[in-house]
Amino acid sequence: MSLFLLAFLLYAVRLLYGWIMKNNISLPGMSRIQSLLKLLFKWHPFVGYTAISLAIFHSYTMLFYLPQKQFAMISGIITFLIFVIVVSCGIKLSGKRQHVSFKNWHVNFSYACMSLLFLHKMVS
C-alpha cells in the first residue's frame, strides 16, 4: 500500500510543481526542486512495477494460504483488477507515442484504485 501511495504522491508533487511554474511563483531553491522532480519522474515507473509485483504476491498469499473475510477478499480482488488497468495504461504511456486518453485513464483509475485500497485496508 505504501508503494502505491508513493507512486501517487510523485504524481501529486509533479502537478504542484507544474502549477507553481505556470503561475510564476518564485521559491528559493527552485532549480533543486526541478532536478529532484526529474529524478522522481524517472523512478515513477519502477515504483509502480514494484507495487504491482508486491500486489500479486499479496493476492496469491491471501487467496491461497490465509482465510479472510469475504468482503475483504472481494474488495481486494476489485482493487487488484483496477490496479492492473492502471499499470497497463502506464505501460502504454511509457512508449514513444503517448495518448492523452491513456494518461487520463491512468490518472482517473489511480484515483479509484487509491480509494478502493483505503476501503480494502479498512475492512481487513
C-alpha atoms as a PDB file:
ATOM      1  CA  MET A   1       0.000   0.000   0.000  1.00  0.00           C
ATOM      2  CA  SER A   2       2.820   2.383   0.795  1.00  0.00           C
ATOM      3  CA  LEU A   3       4.455   1.909  -2.616  1.00  0.00           C
ATOM      4  CA  PHE A   4       1.208   2.725  -4.361  1.00  0.00           C
ATOM      5  CA  LEU A   5       0.854   5.874  -2.269  1.00  0.00           C
ATOM      6  CA  LEU A   6       4.459   6.797  -3.051  1.00  0.00           C
ATOM      7  CA  ALA A   7       3.789   6.485  -6.778  1.00  0.00           C
ATOM      8  CA  PHE A   8       0.652   8.589  -6.395  1.00  0.00           C
ATOM      9  CA  LEU A   9       2.487  11.237  -4.359  1.00  0.00           C
ATOM     10  CA  LEU A  10       5.114  11.530  -7.087  1.00  0.00           C
ATOM     11  CA  TYR A  11       2.318  12.487  -9.458  1.00  0.00           C
ATOM     12  CA  ALA A  12       0.838  14.951  -6.956  1.00  0.00           C
ATOM     13  CA  VAL A  13       4.209  16.661  -6.436  1.00  0.00           C
ATOM     14  CA  ARG A  14       4.639  16.916 -10.190  1.00  0.00           C
ATOM     15  CA  LEU A  15       1.230  18.572 -10.521  1.00  0.00           C
ATOM     16  CA  LEU A  16       2.105  21.021  -7.744  1.00  0.00           C
ATOM     17  CA  TYR A  17       5.373  21.901  -9.452  1.00  0.00           C
ATOM     18  CA  GLY A  18       3.582  22.485 -12.758  1.00  0.00           C
ATOM     19  CA  TRP A  19       1.104  24.771 -11.013  1.00  0.00           C
ATOM     20  CA  ILE A  20       3.947  26.736  -9.379  1.00  0.00           C
ATOM     21  CA  MET A  21       5.730  27.169 -12.708  1.00  0.00           C
ATOM     22  CA  LYS A  22       2.525  28.122 -14.552  1.00  0.00           C
ATOM     23  CA  ASN A  23       1.678  30.851 -12.038  1.00  0.00           C
ATOM     24  CA  ASN A  24       5.279  32.185 -11.955  1.00  0.00           C
ATOM     25  CA  ILE A  25       5.636  31.736  -8.213  1.00  0.00           C
ATOM     26  CA  SER A  26       9.209  32.293  -7.115  1.00  0.00           C
ATOM     27  CA  LEU A  27      10.522  29.958  -4.429  1.00  0.00           C
ATOM     28  CA  PRO A  28      14.087  29.612  -3.116  1.00  0.00           C
ATOM     29  CA  GLY A  29      15.907  26.528  -4.397  1.00  0.00           C
ATOM     30  CA  MET A  30      13.670  26.057  -7.446  1.00  0.00           C
ATOM     31  CA  SER A  31      16.485  24.521  -9.510  1.00  0.00           C
ATOM     32  CA  ARG A  32      16.995  21.841  -6.831  1.00  0.00           C
ATOM     33  CA  ILE A  33      13.281  21.113  -6.790  1.00  0.00           C
ATOM     34  CA  GLN A  34      13.274  20.799 -10.570  1.00  0.00           C
ATOM     35  CA  SER A  35      16.204  18.355 -10.598  1.00  0.00           C
ATOM     36  CA  LEU A  36      14.595  16.332  -7.794  1.00  0.00           C
ATOM     37  CA  LEU A  37      11.320  16.139  -9.736  1.00  0.00           C
ATOM     38  CA  LYS A  38      13.131  14.927 -12.838  1.00  0.00           C
ATOM     39  CA  LEU A  39      14.695  12.170 -10.765  1.00  0.00           C
ATOM     40  CA  LEU A  40      11.354  11.269  -9.188  1.00  0.00           C
ATOM     41  CA  PHE A  41       9.668  11.243 -12.599  1.00  0.00           C
ATOM     42  CA  LYS A  42      12.236   8.703 -13.801  1.00  0.00           C
ATOM     43  CA  TRP A  43      11.608   6.492 -10.732  1.00  0.00           C
ATOM     44  CA  HIS A  44       7.802   6.578 -11.041  1.00  0.00           C
ATOM     45  CA  PRO A  45       7.515   3.505 -13.340  1.00  0.00           C
ATOM     46  CA  PHE A  46       9.879   1.430 -11.198  1.00  0.00           C
ATOM     47  CA  VAL A  47       7.873   2.203  -8.079  1.00  0.00           C
ATOM     48  CA  GLY A  48       4.726   1.167  -9.969  1.00  0.00           C
ATOM     49  CA  TYR A  49       6.314  -2.104 -11.141  1.00  0.00           C
ATOM     50  CA  THR A  50       7.410  -2.894  -7.603  1.00  0.00           C
ATOM     51  CA  ALA A  51       3.930  -2.122  -6.300  1.00  0.00           C
ATOM     52  CA  ILE A  52       2.226  -4.423  -8.818  1.00  0.00           C
ATOM     53  CA  SER A  53       4.666  -7.253  -8.091  1.00  0.00           C
ATOM     54  CA  LEU A  54       4.022  -6.923  -4.351  1.00  0.00           C
ATOM     55  CA  ALA A  55       0.269  -6.790  -5.017  1.00  0.00           C
ATOM     56  CA  ILE A  56       0.484 -10.033  -6.997  1.00  0.00           C
ATOM     57  CA  PHE A  57       2.436 -11.675  -4.183  1.00  0.00           C
ATOM     58  CA  HIS A  58      -0.034 -10.376  -1.581  1.00  0.00           C
ATOM     59  CA  SER A  59      -3.008 -11.591  -3.632  1.00  0.00           C
ATOM     60  CA  TYR A  60      -1.502 -15.039  -4.039  1.00  0.00           C
ATOM     61  CA  THR A  61      -0.724 -15.452  -0.362  1.00  0.00           C
ATOM     62  CA  MET A  62      -4.066 -14.128   0.844  1.00  0.00           C
ATOM     63  CA  LEU A  63      -6.186 -16.140  -1.586  1.00  0.00           C
ATOM     64  CA  PHE A  64      -4.470 -19.484  -1.133  1.00  0.00           C
ATOM     65  CA  TYR A  65      -2.958 -19.514   2.333  1.00  0.00           C
ATOM     66  CA  LEU A  66      -4.899 -17.273   4.690  1.00  0.00           C
ATOM     67  CA  PRO A  67      -8.672 -17.342   5.057  1.00  0.00           C
ATOM     68  CA  GLN A  68     -10.037 -13.824   5.147  1.00  0.00           C
ATOM     69  CA  LYS A  69     -13.362 -12.126   5.494  1.00  0.00           C
ATOM     70  CA  GLN A  70     -15.471 -12.370   2.358  1.00  0.00           C
ATOM     71  CA  PHE A  71     -15.790  -8.603   1.840  1.00  0.00           C
ATOM     72  CA  ALA A  72     -12.055  -8.094   2.273  1.00  0.00           C
ATOM     73  CA  MET A  73     -11.373 -10.658  -0.435  1.00  0.00           C
ATOM     74  CA  ILE A  74     -13.882  -9.132  -2.842  1.00  0.00           C
ATOM     75  CA  SER A  75     -12.616  -5.595  -2.278  1.00  0.00           C
ATOM     76  CA  GLY A  76      -9.030  -6.794  -2.714  1.00  0.00           C
ATOM     77  CA  ILE A  77      -9.811  -8.523  -5.997  1.00  0.00           C
ATOM     78  CA  ILE A  78     -11.645  -5.471  -7.360  1.00  0.00           C
ATOM     79  CA  THR A  79      -8.794  -3.199  -6.277  1.00  0.00           C
ATOM     80  CA  PHE A  80      -6.261  -5.505  -7.897  1.00  0.00           C
ATOM     81  CA  LEU A  81      -8.175  -5.566 -11.196  1.00  0.00           C
ATOM     82  CA  ILE A  82      -8.328  -1.767 -11.283  1.00  0.00           C
ATOM     83  CA  PHE A  83      -4.638  -1.658 -10.398  1.00  0.00           C
ATOM     84  CA  VAL A  84      -3.933  -3.883 -13.413  1.00  0.00           C
ATOM     85  CA  ILE A  85      -5.748  -1.307 -15.581  1.00  0.00           C
ATOM     86  CA  VAL A  86      -3.607   1.466 -14.052  1.00  0.00           C
ATOM     87  CA  VAL A  87      -0.410  -0.454 -14.799  1.00  0.00           C
ATOM     88  CA  SER A  88      -1.463  -1.361 -18.347  1.00  0.00           C
ATOM     89  CA  CYS A  89      -2.273   2.283 -19.106  1.00  0.00           C
ATOM     90  CA  GLY A  90       1.088   3.239 -17.582  1.00  0.00           C
ATOM     91  CA  ILE A  91       2.862   0.737 -19.818  1.00  0.00           C
ATOM     92  CA  LYS A  92       1.107   2.237 -22.844  1.00  0.00           C
ATOM     93  CA  LEU A  93       2.283   5.686 -21.688  1.00  0.00           C
ATOM     94  CA  SER A  94       5.908   4.577 -21.428  1.00  0.00           C
ATOM     95  CA  GLY A  95       6.141   4.106 -25.196  1.00  0.00           C
ATOM     96  CA  LYS A  96       7.175   6.749 -27.679  1.00  0.00           C
ATOM     97  CA  ARG A  97       3.632   7.695 -28.663  1.00  0.00           C
ATOM     98  CA  GLN A  98       1.715   8.957 -25.671  1.00  0.00           C
ATOM     99  CA  HIS A  99      -2.049   9.182 -25.991  1.00  0.00           C
ATOM    100  CA  VAL A 100      -3.981  11.675 -23.892  1.00  0.00           C
ATOM    101  CA  SER A 101      -6.741   9.145 -23.276  1.00  0.00           C
ATOM    102  CA  PHE A 102      -4.296   6.665 -21.708  1.00  0.00           C
ATOM    103  CA  LYS A 103      -2.940   9.416 -19.471  1.00  0.00           C
ATOM    104  CA  ASN A 104      -6.452  10.369 -18.358  1.00  0.00           C
ATOM    105  CA  TRP A 105      -7.361   6.718 -17.745  1.00  0.00           C
ATOM    106  CA  HIS A 106      -4.111   6.182 -15.834  1.00  0.00           C
ATOM    107  CA  VAL A 107      -4.782   9.145 -13.549  1.00  0.00           C
ATOM    108  CA  ASN A 108      -8.504   8.532 -13.042  1.00  0.00           C
ATOM    109  CA  PHE A 109      -8.142   4.803 -12.417  1.00  0.00           C
ATOM    110  CA  SER A 110      -5.320   5.531  -9.968  1.00  0.00           C
ATOM    111  CA  TYR A 111      -7.730   7.764  -8.016  1.00  0.00           C
ATOM    112  CA  ALA A 112     -10.270   4.925  -7.996  1.00  0.00           C
ATOM    113  CA  CYS A 113      -7.624   2.394  -7.022  1.00  0.00           C
ATOM    114  CA  MET A 114      -6.419   4.583  -4.164  1.00  0.00           C
ATOM    115  CA  SER A 115      -9.957   4.941  -2.830  1.00  0.00           C
ATOM    116  CA  LEU A 116     -10.620   1.210  -3.099  1.00  0.00           C
ATOM    117  CA  LEU A 117      -7.268   0.462  -1.497  1.00  0.00           C
ATOM    118  CA  PHE A 118      -8.217   2.543   1.534  1.00  0.00           C
ATOM    119  CA  LEU A 119     -11.566   0.750   1.670  1.00  0.00           C
ATOM    120  CA  HIS A 120      -9.810  -2.619   1.444  1.00  0.00           C
ATOM    121  CA  LYS A 121      -7.426  -1.630   4.209  1.00  0.00           C
ATOM    122  CA  MET A 122     -10.275  -0.511   6.471  1.00  0.00           C
ATOM    123  CA  VAL A 123     -12.254  -3.768   6.136  1.00  0.00           C
ATOM    124  CA  SER A 124      -9.214  -6.038   6.515  1.00  0.00           C
END
